[in-house]
Amino acid sequence: MTKADIVNEISNQTGIDKTTVLKSVEGFMETVKDSLVDGKNVYLRGFGSFIVKKRAEKTARNISKNTSIIIPAHNIPSFKPSKVFSSKVK
């Protein structure tokens, strides 16, 4: 399902025009991204959590050149579904 499909589905269910729904969906996504960039987690009860995971520094190998490189510590975004959401998908 794409963002356009989500906008169409919400528009059909609510009767709100697609441009308003698109602005709302994009606003939601931008707010979640901004919160994660600031290091804040986003919790949506009954749906899940958008969290920032911290990855430690590690050593990796470049097999073709037979060298080792160090990957610095970094943060990555992650989604953890709620128990209600997970049980419905199962």
Protein backbone atom coordinates (compact mmCIF):
# COMPACT_ATOMS: atom_id res chain seq x y z
CA MET A 1 0.00 0.00 0.00
CA THR A 2 1.40 3.39 -0.98
CA LYS A 3 0.84 6.82 0.52
CA ALA A 4 -1.60 7.59 -2.32
CA ASP A 5 -3.57 4.43 -1.48
CA ILE A 6 -3.72 5.47 2.18
CA VAL A 7 -4.93 8.96 1.23
CA ASN A 8 -7.61 7.49 -1.08
CA GLU A 9 -8.80 5.04 1.59
CA ILE A 10 -9.06 7.71 4.30
CA SER A 11 -10.78 10.08 1.89
CA ASN A 12 -13.34 7.44 0.94
CA GLN A 13 -14.02 6.45 4.57
CA THR A 14 -14.36 9.99 5.94
CA GLY A 15 -15.66 11.99 2.97
CA ILE A 16 -12.87 14.56 3.38
CA ASP A 17 -11.27 15.76 0.15
CA LYS A 18 -7.96 14.16 -0.85
CA THR A 19 -5.85 17.33 -0.62
CA THR A 20 -6.79 17.84 3.04
CA VAL A 21 -6.13 14.19 3.84
CA LEU A 22 -2.78 14.34 2.02
CA LYS A 23 -1.72 17.38 4.06
CA SER A 24 -2.72 15.58 7.26
CA VAL A 25 -0.84 12.39 6.37
CA GLU A 26 2.27 14.29 5.32
CA GLY A 27 2.05 16.44 8.46
CA PHE A 28 1.86 13.30 10.61
CA MET A 29 4.87 11.75 8.90
CA GLU A 30 6.88 14.97 9.19
CA THR A 31 6.06 15.26 12.90
CA VAL A 32 7.18 11.67 13.52
CA LYS A 33 10.42 12.27 11.58
CA ASP A 34 11.15 15.51 13.44
CA SER A 35 10.54 13.84 16.80
CA LEU A 36 12.89 10.97 15.97
CA VAL A 37 15.57 13.39 14.74
CA ASP A 38 15.30 15.18 18.11
CA GLY A 39 15.76 11.83 19.89
CA LYS A 40 12.15 11.64 21.10
CA ASN A 41 10.15 8.44 20.71
CA VAL A 42 6.56 8.50 19.41
CA TYR A 43 4.01 6.27 21.15
CA LEU A 44 0.64 5.54 19.52
CA ARG A 45 -1.55 3.48 21.86
CA GLY A 46 -3.04 0.46 20.12
CA PHE A 47 -0.80 0.88 17.06
CA GLY A 48 2.87 0.91 18.07
CA SER A 49 5.94 2.98 18.83
CA PHE A 50 8.40 4.74 16.59
CA ILE A 51 11.67 4.60 18.51
CA VAL A 52 15.31 5.53 18.06
CA LYS A 53 17.73 2.63 18.54
CA LYS A 54 21.38 3.20 19.32
CA ARG A 55 23.88 1.02 17.48
CA ALA A 56 27.31 0.56 19.06
CA GLU A 57 30.57 0.98 17.19
CA LYS A 58 31.64 -2.21 15.46
CA THR A 59 34.35 -3.61 13.22
CA ALA A 60 33.39 -4.86 9.77
CA ARG A 61 35.38 -6.51 6.99
CA ASN A 62 35.64 -5.61 3.34
CA ILE A 63 36.11 -9.10 1.89
CA SER A 64 37.14 -7.98 -1.59
CA LYS A 65 39.99 -5.80 -0.31
CA ASN A 66 40.69 -7.95 2.77
CA THR A 67 40.62 -4.95 5.09
CA SER A 68 38.83 -4.09 8.32
CA ILE A 69 36.82 -0.93 8.76
CA ILE A 70 35.26 0.59 11.86
CA ILE A 71 31.60 1.52 11.66
CA PRO A 72 30.99 4.34 14.16
CA ALA A 73 28.16 4.32 16.71
CA HIS A 74 24.94 5.65 15.22
CA ASN A 75 21.19 5.91 15.74
CA ILE A 76 18.54 4.26 13.55
CA PRO A 77 14.75 4.65 13.49
CA SER A 78 12.68 1.61 14.34
CA PHE A 79 9.01 0.64 14.68
CA LYS A 80 7.73 -1.65 17.41
CA PRO A 81 4.09 -2.72 16.93
CA SER A 82 1.75 -2.89 19.92
CA LYS A 83 0.47 -6.23 21.19
CA VAL A 84 -3.02 -5.46 19.87
CA PHE A 85 -1.64 -4.66 16.42
CA SER A 86 0.59 -7.75 16.38
CA SER A 87 -2.25 -10.05 17.43
CA LYS A 88 -4.51 -8.75 14.62
CA VAL A 89 -1.79 -9.35 12.00
CA LYS A 90 -1.16 -12.89 13.24
